[in-house]
Amino acid sequence: MRTLVLLRWEIAQALRGLAPHVTLTGASLASTALTGLGLLALSLWSPFTIGSSGGTFTTRTDSSTTPQLLPILGEYRGAVAFVVILTWLILIAAALGPAFMAGAIVRDRRSGRLDRVLTDTSRADVVALVKLLTGLIPLGLTLAAAAPSVSFAWLLGGLASPDAVVGAAVALILLVLITSIGLMCSAVAATEVTALLASYALIGGILWGPLLAALGLSLAGFSTAASAVASFDPLIALLASQQTLSRNLLRLLPTGWPAPHLVWLIGGPFKVEIPVWAADLAVYAVLAAFLVWVTGIVLEPLHPIKTWRLRGVG
């Protein structure tokens, strides 16, 4: 029996140590495949070439007032590739982030290490922040292995440097948000499986929930509210980071579909225009900080919020 227990422990440790390497290899191979598919599209898809035999890039030549999808994709091919690859990286993070964070606190609580750590640091918020960085660093390194595929956007013609910086900033804060969700779920869950499933549910709700809610509101006749809700979707934020591309793509939406805002107009004596990506960036940062704060409350046994009734009685 002891031999089986020892064997089980050793296998678990070996698999746990092997998982990051397998994840890194999988992300690299998948990104390479994505780049290969892009190169195939580059040689076969008409918006990227002048003819079936030519290989020279061309820009949009359709001057009609009715926008068309293929000419737009051909003209802004660099920005399209950049958004597609960033979206791909975020989806990878959504799949791997919970796996990195599911046992961050569950294992320490089960082994009793969490009590010792809290005793040594005496501050649960510090422990929560360290746990966040502990999960964010390996996740970031894993995505960094796939990041060279972003260069494909410049192979297609590139995009403006400010747009690239904005897109990267939105992607970075989304990584922090995904990691903070996994951290909070690990703090409140009793098992790693529960934390993993809860993380996937919450991350999926954040990624796709606003789009589904906007579609429902639009079908119900609340078009203004639908557009506002859709504007806070992370995938829309990535697209909105490419202002010119997103503006042209929104013109293609059928009548009645929720069209996300690209700019928030704040009224008053001096009207201020705030890009949607900037507002979303602030919302995601605040939400991530809130989740880390909640994690600290969960970890701290005698947090003031938990003991306010006892203080009131005293």
Protein backbone atom coordinates (compact mmCIF):
# COMPACT_ATOMS: atom_id res chain seq x y z
CA MET A 1 0.00 0.00 0.00
CA ARG A 2 2.80 2.41 0.86
CA THR A 3 4.44 1.61 -2.44
CA LEU A 4 1.24 2.45 -4.32
CA VAL A 5 0.83 5.70 -2.41
CA LEU A 6 4.44 6.66 -3.14
CA LEU A 7 4.02 5.69 -6.80
CA ARG A 8 0.87 7.77 -7.08
CA TRP A 9 2.60 10.79 -5.52
CA GLU A 10 5.63 10.50 -7.78
CA ILE A 11 3.49 10.16 -10.91
CA ALA A 12 1.42 13.19 -9.89
CA GLN A 13 4.57 15.26 -9.31
CA ALA A 14 6.09 14.14 -12.61
CA LEU A 15 2.94 14.99 -14.54
CA ARG A 16 2.66 18.32 -12.76
CA GLY A 17 6.22 19.16 -13.73
CA LEU A 18 5.68 17.94 -17.28
CA ALA A 19 2.46 19.88 -17.83
CA PRO A 20 4.09 23.29 -18.48
CA HIS A 21 6.40 21.77 -21.09
CA VAL A 22 3.55 19.99 -22.84
CA THR A 23 1.50 23.19 -22.73
CA LEU A 24 4.37 25.22 -24.14
CA THR A 25 4.91 22.76 -26.98
CA GLY A 26 1.21 22.63 -27.79
CA ALA A 27 0.90 26.41 -27.89
CA SER A 28 3.94 26.71 -30.15
CA LEU A 29 2.72 24.04 -32.57
CA ALA A 30 -0.79 25.47 -32.68
CA SER A 31 0.51 28.97 -33.38
CA THR A 32 2.79 27.63 -36.09
CA ALA A 33 -0.22 25.93 -37.67
CA LEU A 34 -2.16 29.20 -37.49
CA THR A 35 0.66 31.01 -39.27
CA GLY A 36 0.77 28.25 -41.90
CA LEU A 37 -2.94 28.63 -42.54
CA GLY A 38 -2.41 32.35 -42.91
CA LEU A 39 0.29 31.80 -45.50
CA LEU A 40 -2.01 29.45 -47.36
CA ALA A 41 -4.73 32.09 -47.36
CA LEU A 42 -2.16 34.61 -48.50
CA SER A 43 -1.47 32.61 -51.65
CA LEU A 44 -5.00 31.43 -52.43
CA TRP A 45 -7.45 34.06 -51.24
CA SER A 46 -8.24 36.76 -53.79
CA PRO A 47 -8.28 39.78 -51.42
CA PHE A 48 -4.57 39.23 -50.81
CA THR A 49 -3.51 38.80 -54.44
CA ILE A 50 -4.14 40.50 -57.74
CA GLY A 51 -4.90 37.32 -59.63
CA SER A 52 -4.71 33.56 -59.53
CA SER A 53 -1.16 33.67 -60.89
CA GLY A 54 0.06 36.91 -59.37
CA GLY A 55 1.48 37.26 -55.90
CA THR A 56 1.57 41.04 -55.55
CA PHE A 57 -0.35 42.65 -52.71
CA THR A 58 -3.18 44.96 -53.57
CA THR A 59 -5.40 47.34 -51.69
CA ARG A 60 -9.12 47.81 -51.88
CA THR A 61 -10.26 49.05 -55.26
CA ASP A 62 -14.02 48.98 -54.76
CA SER A 63 -15.10 52.62 -54.57
CA SER A 64 -18.83 52.01 -54.31
CA THR A 65 -20.75 53.27 -51.32
CA THR A 66 -21.80 49.75 -50.36
CA PRO A 67 -19.06 48.16 -48.24
CA GLN A 68 -18.00 44.59 -48.93
CA LEU A 69 -16.21 42.19 -46.62
CA LEU A 70 -13.49 40.85 -48.90
CA PRO A 71 -12.17 44.22 -50.10
CA ILE A 72 -12.03 45.47 -46.50
CA LEU A 73 -10.11 42.38 -45.38
CA GLY A 74 -7.76 42.82 -48.30
CA GLU A 75 -7.07 46.48 -47.54
CA TYR A 76 -6.57 46.04 -43.79
CA ARG A 77 -5.00 42.59 -43.96
CA GLY A 78 -2.26 43.45 -41.45
CA ALA A 79 -4.73 44.68 -38.84
CA VAL A 80 -7.00 41.67 -39.47
CA ALA A 81 -4.12 39.25 -38.94
CA PHE A 82 -3.07 41.10 -35.78
CA VAL A 83 -6.58 40.92 -34.27
CA VAL A 84 -6.98 37.26 -35.23
CA ILE A 85 -3.66 36.28 -33.64
CA LEU A 86 -4.33 38.28 -30.45
CA THR A 87 -7.75 36.66 -30.20
CA TRP A 88 -6.10 33.27 -30.63
CA LEU A 89 -3.66 34.04 -27.81
CA ILE A 90 -6.50 35.13 -25.53
CA LEU A 91 -8.37 31.90 -26.24
CA ILE A 92 -5.21 29.95 -25.39
CA ALA A 93 -4.95 31.91 -22.15
CA ALA A 94 -8.61 31.21 -21.37
CA ALA A 95 -7.96 27.49 -21.81
CA LEU A 96 -4.65 27.33 -19.92
CA GLY A 97 -5.06 30.04 -17.28
CA PRO A 98 -7.51 28.08 -15.10
CA ALA A 99 -5.26 25.02 -15.38
CA PHE A 100 -2.34 27.02 -13.99
CA MET A 101 -4.41 28.58 -11.20
CA ALA A 102 -6.87 25.84 -10.18
CA GLY A 103 -4.62 24.42 -7.49
CA ALA A 104 -2.87 27.64 -6.49
CA ILE A 105 -4.68 27.86 -3.16
CA VAL A 106 -6.54 24.55 -2.98
CA ARG A 107 -3.31 22.55 -2.65
CA ASP A 108 -1.85 24.89 -0.04
CA ARG A 109 -5.04 24.76 2.00
CA ARG A 110 -5.18 20.98 1.82
CA SER A 111 -1.54 20.54 2.88
CA GLY A 112 -1.72 23.15 5.63
CA ARG A 113 0.89 25.34 3.98
CA LEU A 114 -1.59 28.18 3.55
CA ASP A 115 -1.88 28.69 7.32
CA ARG A 116 1.89 28.87 7.64
CA VAL A 117 2.17 31.34 4.78
CA LEU A 118 -0.52 33.56 6.25
CA THR A 119 1.22 33.43 9.61
CA ASP A 120 4.56 34.41 8.11
CA THR A 121 3.26 37.27 5.96
CA SER A 122 0.37 38.31 8.25
CA ARG A 123 -1.37 39.87 5.24
CA ALA A 124 -3.71 37.86 3.04
CA ASP A 125 -3.73 40.49 0.30
CA VAL A 126 0.04 40.06 -0.13
CA VAL A 127 -0.43 36.30 -0.41
CA ALA A 128 -3.17 36.82 -3.03
CA LEU A 129 -0.95 39.15 -5.05
CA VAL A 130 1.98 36.72 -4.93
CA LYS A 131 -0.29 33.88 -6.01
CA LEU A 132 -1.53 36.02 -8.90
CA LEU A 133 2.02 36.68 -10.09
CA THR A 134 2.90 33.01 -9.61
CA GLY A 135 0.20 32.05 -12.11
CA LEU A 136 0.64 35.02 -14.42
CA ILE A 137 4.36 34.46 -15.03
CA PRO A 138 4.15 30.89 -16.42
CA LEU A 139 1.03 31.76 -18.40
CA GLY A 140 2.79 34.78 -19.87
CA LEU A 141 5.86 32.71 -20.75
CA THR A 142 3.68 30.11 -22.44
CA LEU A 143 2.00 32.76 -24.59
CA ALA A 144 5.35 34.40 -25.27
CA ALA A 145 6.38 31.17 -27.03
CA ALA A 146 3.47 31.69 -29.42
CA ALA A 147 3.86 35.47 -29.66
CA PRO A 148 6.29 35.40 -32.64
CA SER A 149 3.33 34.45 -34.80
CA VAL A 150 2.19 38.08 -34.39
CA SER A 151 4.93 39.01 -36.86
CA PHE A 152 2.69 37.52 -39.55
CA ALA A 153 0.67 40.76 -39.40
CA TRP A 154 3.72 42.70 -40.64
CA LEU A 155 4.38 40.09 -43.30
CA LEU A 156 0.96 40.94 -44.71
CA GLY A 157 1.58 44.67 -44.73
CA GLY A 158 1.66 45.67 -41.09
CA LEU A 159 -0.41 48.14 -39.13
CA ALA A 160 0.07 51.43 -37.34
CA SER A 161 2.36 51.23 -34.30
CA PRO A 162 -0.18 52.94 -31.95
CA ASP A 163 -2.81 50.37 -32.91
CA ALA A 164 -0.37 47.54 -32.22
CA VAL A 165 0.49 48.97 -28.78
CA VAL A 166 -3.20 49.40 -27.90
CA GLY A 167 -4.03 45.85 -28.97
CA ALA A 168 -1.13 44.45 -26.93
CA ALA A 169 -2.25 46.46 -23.88
CA VAL A 170 -5.80 45.11 -24.12
CA ALA A 171 -4.47 41.56 -24.47
CA LEU A 172 -2.16 42.02 -21.46
CA ILE A 173 -4.89 43.25 -19.14
CA LEU A 174 -7.10 40.37 -20.28
CA LEU A 175 -4.35 37.96 -19.22
CA VAL A 176 -4.35 39.57 -15.76
CA LEU A 177 -8.15 39.31 -15.60
CA ILE A 178 -8.14 35.63 -16.61
CA THR A 179 -5.49 34.85 -13.99
CA SER A 180 -7.35 36.74 -11.27
CA ILE A 181 -10.54 34.80 -12.04
CA GLY A 182 -8.66 31.52 -11.67
CA LEU A 183 -7.13 32.75 -8.41
CA MET A 184 -10.48 33.69 -6.88
CA CYS A 185 -12.06 30.39 -7.91
CA SER A 186 -9.14 28.53 -6.35
CA ALA A 187 -9.69 30.46 -3.12
CA VAL A 188 -13.40 29.66 -2.79
CA ALA A 189 -13.42 26.11 -4.22
CA ALA A 190 -12.88 22.97 -2.18
CA THR A 191 -11.22 20.96 -4.96
CA GLU A 192 -9.09 21.68 -8.00
CA VAL A 193 -11.75 20.30 -10.33
CA THR A 194 -14.36 22.65 -8.90
CA ALA A 195 -12.00 25.60 -9.23
CA LEU A 196 -11.19 24.63 -12.81
CA LEU A 197 -14.83 24.31 -13.88
CA ALA A 198 -15.85 27.51 -12.10
CA SER A 199 -12.99 29.38 -13.77
CA TYR A 200 -14.00 28.15 -17.21
CA ALA A 201 -17.61 29.17 -16.56
CA LEU A 202 -16.70 32.69 -15.44
CA ILE A 203 -14.12 33.28 -18.17
CA GLY A 204 -16.51 31.97 -20.81
CA GLY A 205 -19.21 34.27 -19.45
CA ILE A 206 -16.91 37.28 -19.68
CA LEU A 207 -15.69 36.44 -23.19
CA TRP A 208 -19.02 35.52 -24.75
CA GLY A 209 -21.66 36.71 -22.28
CA PRO A 210 -21.82 40.37 -23.41
CA LEU A 211 -22.24 39.34 -27.05
CA LEU A 212 -25.06 36.92 -26.24
CA ALA A 213 -26.70 39.44 -23.92
CA ALA A 214 -26.45 42.14 -26.60
CA LEU A 215 -28.06 39.84 -29.16
CA GLY A 216 -30.90 39.07 -26.75
CA LEU A 217 -31.45 42.75 -25.97
CA SER A 218 -31.44 43.54 -29.67
CA LEU A 219 -34.06 40.88 -30.38
CA ALA A 220 -36.15 42.32 -27.54
CA GLY A 221 -36.02 45.76 -29.13
CA PHE A 222 -33.50 47.42 -26.80
CA SER A 223 -30.97 48.34 -29.47
CA THR A 224 -29.30 51.14 -27.51
CA ALA A 225 -28.69 48.93 -24.48
CA ALA A 226 -27.55 46.11 -26.76
CA SER A 227 -24.87 48.29 -28.34
CA ALA A 228 -23.65 49.44 -24.94
CA VAL A 229 -23.43 45.89 -23.58
CA ALA A 230 -21.61 44.59 -26.66
CA SER A 231 -19.02 47.34 -26.30
CA PHE A 232 -17.73 45.78 -23.06
CA ASP A 233 -17.00 42.39 -24.57
CA PRO A 234 -13.26 41.57 -24.49
CA LEU A 235 -13.26 40.33 -28.07
CA ILE A 236 -14.90 43.57 -29.18
CA ALA A 237 -12.25 45.49 -27.22
CA LEU A 238 -9.53 43.71 -29.21
CA LEU A 239 -11.27 44.63 -32.45
CA ALA A 240 -11.90 48.21 -31.31
CA SER A 241 -8.17 48.66 -30.78
CA GLN A 242 -7.97 48.82 -34.59
CA GLN A 243 -10.13 51.88 -35.05
CA THR A 244 -10.20 52.12 -38.85
CA LEU A 245 -10.72 48.40 -39.38
CA SER A 246 -13.49 48.14 -36.80
CA ARG A 247 -15.25 51.20 -38.18
CA ASN A 248 -15.38 49.64 -41.64
CA LEU A 249 -16.43 46.21 -40.36
CA LEU A 250 -19.31 47.66 -38.34
CA ARG A 251 -20.77 49.04 -41.55
CA LEU A 252 -21.26 45.45 -42.70
CA LEU A 253 -23.57 44.48 -39.85
CA PRO A 254 -27.15 43.75 -40.93
CA THR A 255 -29.85 46.17 -39.89
CA GLY A 256 -31.10 45.41 -36.39
CA TRP A 257 -27.89 43.78 -35.18
CA PRO A 258 -26.26 45.37 -32.12
CA ALA A 259 -23.43 47.59 -33.32
CA PRO A 260 -20.85 48.13 -30.55
CA HIS A 261 -19.73 51.66 -29.83
CA LEU A 262 -16.20 52.61 -30.79
CA VAL A 263 -16.20 55.84 -28.79
CA TRP A 264 -17.97 56.86 -25.60
CA LEU A 265 -19.13 60.48 -25.65
CA ILE A 266 -19.29 62.05 -22.19
CA GLY A 267 -21.55 65.08 -22.16
CA GLY A 268 -21.24 68.30 -20.22
CA PRO A 269 -19.85 71.75 -20.95
CA PHE A 270 -16.82 70.14 -22.57
CA LYS A 271 -17.65 66.92 -24.38
CA VAL A 272 -14.98 64.28 -24.10
CA GLU A 273 -14.59 61.30 -26.40
CA ILE A 274 -13.19 58.16 -24.78
CA PRO A 275 -12.28 55.24 -27.05
CA VAL A 276 -14.13 52.06 -26.16
CA TRP A 277 -10.87 50.14 -25.82
CA ALA A 278 -9.66 52.62 -23.18
CA ALA A 279 -12.90 52.32 -21.19
CA ASP A 280 -12.77 48.53 -21.44
CA LEU A 281 -9.14 48.57 -20.34
CA ALA A 282 -10.10 50.49 -17.20
CA VAL A 283 -13.06 48.20 -16.48
CA TYR A 284 -10.97 45.03 -16.83
CA ALA A 285 -8.22 46.46 -14.59
CA VAL A 286 -10.71 47.41 -11.88
CA LEU A 287 -12.41 44.02 -12.10
CA ALA A 288 -9.08 42.19 -11.81
CA ALA A 289 -8.09 44.28 -8.77
CA PHE A 290 -11.49 43.61 -7.21
CA LEU A 291 -11.11 39.85 -7.66
CA VAL A 292 -7.67 39.89 -6.03
CA TRP A 293 -9.13 41.92 -3.16
CA VAL A 294 -11.97 39.41 -2.74
CA THR A 295 -9.40 36.61 -2.73
CA GLY A 296 -7.59 38.33 0.12
CA ILE A 297 -10.85 38.56 2.06
CA VAL A 298 -11.51 34.84 1.54
CA LEU A 299 -8.01 33.92 2.69
CA GLU A 300 -7.98 36.13 5.79
CA PRO A 301 -9.85 34.34 8.62
CA LEU A 302 -10.31 37.51 10.68
CA HIS A 303 -10.84 40.04 7.93
CA PRO A 304 -12.81 43.10 9.16
CA ILE A 305 -15.59 42.41 6.68
CA LYS A 306 -16.04 38.91 8.12
CA THR A 307 -16.01 40.05 11.73
CA TRP A 308 -18.07 43.24 11.57
CA ARG A 309 -21.04 41.56 13.27
CA LEU A 310 -18.85 40.37 16.12
CA ARG A 311 -17.44 43.85 16.55
CA GLY A 312 -20.94 45.26 16.58
CA VAL A 313 -22.02 42.85 19.30
CA GLY A 314 -18.93 43.67 21.33
